[in-house]
């Protein structure tokens, strides 16, 4: 079973110089090491909203066993230790991860299309984390899939990754949206074109978090 692994990094101090040093380190040294040890990076973004100084990386594996093998292999890679030591002389870094199970064939196809057809310039993404109640998980997941299909048809945005948390906080589902080029997500409007899905969704998913995602230079999803 394919799994998605979401990793968030917290960079301190929360300065542009520190974040740039981290991005250079990750793109130049960590990503090549991860790739040669079995990690398949599909997206990497600066995450805006809430606590500052965050990035988000999303990896894909054919199975949980493949993820575990890649972790063991990476831990044994002796090339990273000295580089990490130099970075930590000026930057503090912490990481949290969670494992997700992909939701819906449409989202899987959306990820493949987005990876196969990169845009000429970086575009805006949004991460939506939906908190479900235990008794309404199935209904909530179905509504999220219906909402994503409707939004894509109406050119309101497309889901490029969708996954249910299987290790970590839950029950919850995460969607990563590629926003249309004309999107103005911070503008207040009274109308909700997705109300037919959102209103019933709120009965089983009363809480939701949203974050803006800006692609980093080494992200396959741009």
Protein backbone atom coordinates (compact mmCIF):
# COMPACT_ATOMS: atom_id res chain seq x y z
CA UNK A 1 0.00 0.00 0.00
CA UNK A 2 1.40 3.39 -1.02
CA UNK A 3 1.97 5.78 1.87
CA UNK A 4 2.73 9.50 2.10
CA UNK A 5 5.05 10.83 4.78
CA UNK A 6 4.66 14.46 5.83
CA UNK A 7 7.62 16.11 7.56
CA UNK A 8 7.54 19.57 9.10
CA UNK A 9 10.71 21.36 10.12
CA UNK A 10 10.86 24.26 12.57
CA UNK A 11 13.80 26.58 11.95
CA UNK A 12 15.22 28.92 14.59
CA UNK A 13 15.96 31.77 14.79
CA UNK A 14 12.97 32.91 12.73
CA UNK A 15 15.02 35.09 10.40
CA UNK A 16 15.30 35.08 6.63
CA UNK A 17 19.03 34.33 6.89
CA UNK A 18 18.43 31.23 9.02
CA UNK A 19 15.68 29.93 6.74
CA UNK A 20 17.83 30.54 3.65
CA UNK A 21 20.72 28.62 5.26
CA UNK A 22 18.36 25.75 5.98
CA UNK A 23 16.94 25.75 2.42
CA UNK A 24 20.45 25.71 0.91
CA UNK A 25 21.48 22.86 3.23
CA UNK A 26 18.36 20.81 2.51
CA UNK A 27 18.42 21.32 -1.25
CA UNK A 28 22.16 20.86 -1.76
CA UNK A 29 22.90 18.09 0.73
CA UNK A 30 19.86 16.44 2.30
CA UNK A 31 17.73 15.86 -0.80
CA UNK A 32 20.52 14.08 -2.74
CA UNK A 33 21.24 11.90 0.31
CA UNK A 34 17.57 11.05 0.75
CA UNK A 35 17.14 10.21 -2.92
CA UNK A 36 20.06 7.81 -2.98
CA UNK A 37 18.66 6.12 0.15
CA UNK A 38 15.15 5.54 -1.19
CA UNK A 39 13.17 8.70 -0.39
CA UNK A 40 10.83 9.94 -3.14
CA UNK A 41 10.24 13.65 -2.54
CA UNK A 42 7.07 14.90 -4.26
CA UNK A 43 6.76 18.37 -2.74
CA UNK A 44 8.52 20.85 -0.45
CA UNK A 45 7.16 24.21 0.61
CA UNK A 46 7.62 27.13 2.96
CA UNK A 47 4.56 26.91 5.23
CA UNK A 48 2.89 30.19 6.21
CA UNK A 49 0.28 30.53 8.92
CA UNK A 50 0.52 29.97 12.65
CA UNK A 51 4.03 29.46 13.99
CA UNK A 52 6.71 31.07 11.85
CA UNK A 53 9.86 29.44 10.49
CA UNK A 54 8.29 26.27 9.08
CA UNK A 55 8.67 24.17 5.99
CA UNK A 56 6.72 21.12 4.88
CA UNK A 57 8.04 18.19 2.84
CA UNK A 58 5.98 15.34 1.40
CA UNK A 59 7.49 11.95 0.48
CA UNK A 60 5.94 8.94 -1.24
CA UNK A 61 6.77 5.27 -0.60
CA UNK A 62 5.40 2.05 -2.06
CA UNK A 63 4.86 0.63 1.44
CA UNK A 64 5.54 1.20 5.12
CA UNK A 65 8.34 -1.37 4.88
CA UNK A 66 10.01 0.68 2.12
CA UNK A 67 9.84 3.77 4.33
CA UNK A 68 11.42 1.91 7.24
CA UNK A 69 14.22 0.58 4.99
CA UNK A 70 14.89 4.10 3.67
CA UNK A 71 15.12 5.46 7.22
CA UNK A 72 17.65 2.81 8.20
CA UNK A 73 19.67 3.43 5.06
CA UNK A 74 19.68 7.22 5.57
CA UNK A 75 20.73 6.87 9.22
CA UNK A 76 23.76 4.86 8.07
CA UNK A 77 24.79 7.47 5.48
CA UNK A 78 28.03 8.91 6.88
CA UNK A 79 28.15 11.88 4.51
CA UNK A 80 25.44 13.86 6.33
CA UNK A 81 26.87 14.05 9.84
CA UNK A 82 29.59 16.68 9.24
CA UNK A 83 27.23 18.81 7.11
CA UNK A 84 24.49 18.76 9.75
CA UNK A 85 27.05 19.72 12.38
CA UNK A 86 28.07 22.80 10.41
CA UNK A 87 24.44 23.86 9.89
CA UNK A 88 23.62 23.52 13.59
CA UNK A 89 26.40 25.93 14.47
CA UNK A 90 24.06 28.75 13.40
CA UNK A 91 20.58 27.24 13.00
CA UNK A 92 18.37 25.24 15.37
CA UNK A 93 16.07 22.68 13.77
CA UNK A 94 13.28 20.39 14.98
CA UNK A 95 11.12 17.94 13.01
CA UNK A 96 7.69 16.34 13.33
CA UNK A 97 6.40 13.64 10.97
CA UNK A 98 3.18 11.83 10.29
CA UNK A 99 2.30 8.99 7.95
CA UNK A 100 -0.76 9.15 5.73
CA UNK A 101 -2.75 6.76 3.59
CA UNK A 102 -3.70 8.29 0.20
CA UNK A 103 -7.40 9.06 -0.22
CA UNK A 104 -9.15 8.58 -3.53
CA UNK A 105 -7.95 7.65 -6.99
CA UNK A 106 -8.66 11.18 -8.22
CA UNK A 107 -6.09 12.63 -5.81
CA UNK A 108 -3.51 10.02 -6.83
CA UNK A 109 -4.06 10.91 -10.48
CA UNK A 110 -3.92 14.62 -9.63
CA UNK A 111 -0.49 14.16 -8.07
CA UNK A 112 0.80 12.28 -11.11
CA UNK A 113 -0.54 14.97 -13.47
CA UNK A 114 0.97 17.79 -11.41
CA UNK A 115 4.38 16.08 -11.30
CA UNK A 116 4.31 15.33 -15.03
CA UNK A 117 3.29 18.86 -16.06
CA UNK A 118 5.31 21.41 -14.06
CA UNK A 119 4.32 25.05 -14.62
CA UNK A 120 6.64 27.65 -16.10
CA UNK A 121 6.77 29.47 -12.76
CA UNK A 122 6.05 28.51 -9.16
CA UNK A 123 2.40 28.63 -8.11
CA UNK A 124 0.50 28.92 -4.84
CA UNK A 125 -0.59 25.87 -2.86
CA UNK A 126 -2.77 25.51 0.21
CA UNK A 127 -2.73 22.84 2.91
CA UNK A 128 -6.10 21.99 4.47
CA UNK A 129 -6.10 19.81 7.60
CA UNK A 130 -9.60 18.60 8.45
CA UNK A 131 -10.26 17.28 11.97
CA UNK A 132 -12.91 14.55 11.91
CA UNK A 133 -15.02 13.06 14.68
CA UNK A 134 -14.68 9.31 15.18
CA UNK A 135 -18.30 8.50 14.35
CA UNK A 136 -18.23 10.53 11.13
CA UNK A 137 -14.93 9.56 9.54
CA UNK A 138 -16.30 7.74 6.50
CA UNK A 139 -18.88 10.41 5.73
CA UNK A 140 -16.28 13.14 6.11
CA UNK A 141 -13.79 11.44 3.80
CA UNK A 142 -16.47 10.90 1.16
CA UNK A 143 -17.49 14.56 1.33
CA UNK A 144 -13.88 15.68 0.95
CA UNK A 145 -13.53 13.57 -2.19
CA UNK A 146 -16.77 14.94 -3.62
CA UNK A 147 -15.70 18.50 -2.80
CA UNK A 148 -12.34 18.00 -4.54
CA UNK A 149 -13.96 16.56 -7.67
CA UNK A 150 -16.47 19.43 -7.85
CA UNK A 151 -13.79 22.10 -7.32
CA UNK A 152 -11.62 20.66 -10.09
CA UNK A 153 -14.58 20.56 -12.49
CA UNK A 154 -15.42 24.19 -11.70
CA UNK A 155 -11.73 25.22 -11.97
CA UNK A 156 -11.67 26.36 -8.34
CA UNK A 157 -8.44 24.48 -7.63
CA UNK A 158 -7.15 20.93 -7.79
CA UNK A 159 -6.09 18.52 -5.06
CA UNK A 160 -2.58 17.22 -5.72
CA UNK A 161 -2.30 15.19 -2.51
CA UNK A 162 -4.93 13.83 -0.15
CA UNK A 163 -4.26 11.53 2.78
CA UNK A 164 -5.71 10.26 6.02
CA UNK A 165 -3.38 10.30 9.01
CA UNK A 166 -2.56 6.76 10.13
CA UNK A 167 0.23 7.60 12.58
CA UNK A 168 -0.01 10.91 14.35
CA UNK A 169 -2.98 13.05 15.45
CA UNK A 170 -6.34 11.84 14.33
CA UNK A 171 -8.81 11.23 13.04
CA UNK A 172 -7.88 13.79 10.41
CA UNK A 173 -7.42 14.19 6.68
CA UNK A 174 -5.03 16.47 4.81
CA UNK A 175 -5.47 17.90 1.34
CA UNK A 176 -2.87 19.89 -0.56
CA UNK A 177 -4.48 22.12 -3.16
CA UNK A 178 -2.92 23.73 -6.20
CA UNK A 179 -4.77 27.03 -6.39
CA UNK A 180 -5.84 28.54 -9.72
CA UNK A 181 -3.60 31.30 -11.00
CA UNK A 182 -6.41 33.83 -10.54
CA UNK A 183 -7.04 32.84 -6.91
CA UNK A 184 -7.29 35.61 -4.30
CA UNK A 185 -7.69 33.47 -1.16
CA UNK A 186 -7.29 36.34 1.32
CA UNK A 187 -10.16 38.42 -0.07
CA UNK A 188 -13.36 38.29 1.99
CA UNK A 189 -16.47 37.19 0.11
CA UNK A 190 -19.95 36.31 1.36
CA UNK A 191 -20.45 33.52 -1.14
CA UNK A 192 -19.08 30.00 -0.79
CA UNK A 193 -19.16 28.02 -4.05
CA UNK A 194 -18.43 24.86 -2.04
CA UNK A 195 -21.21 25.36 0.52
CA UNK A 196 -23.16 22.29 -0.65
CA UNK A 197 -20.24 20.16 0.59
CA UNK A 198 -18.88 22.30 3.41
CA UNK A 199 -22.12 22.62 5.36
CA UNK A 200 -22.72 18.85 5.76
CA UNK A 201 -18.99 18.36 6.28
CA UNK A 202 -19.09 20.55 9.39
CA UNK A 203 -21.37 18.06 11.15
CA UNK A 204 -18.57 15.46 11.11
CA UNK A 205 -15.54 17.75 10.83
CA UNK A 206 -16.11 20.78 13.09
CA UNK A 207 -12.45 21.92 13.03
CA UNK A 208 -10.16 22.75 10.13
CA UNK A 209 -6.75 24.38 9.68
CA UNK A 210 -5.43 26.10 6.55
CA UNK A 211 -1.89 27.11 5.59
CA UNK A 212 -0.34 28.75 2.52
CA UNK A 213 2.40 26.72 0.86
CA UNK A 214 5.07 28.32 -1.33
CA UNK A 215 7.24 25.87 -3.33
CA UNK A 216 10.91 25.74 -2.39
CA UNK A 217 13.54 25.59 -5.19
CA UNK A 218 14.03 21.82 -4.92
CA UNK A 219 10.33 20.92 -4.83
CA UNK A 220 9.14 18.66 -7.68
CA UNK A 221 5.72 20.30 -7.27
CA UNK A 222 6.12 23.92 -8.34
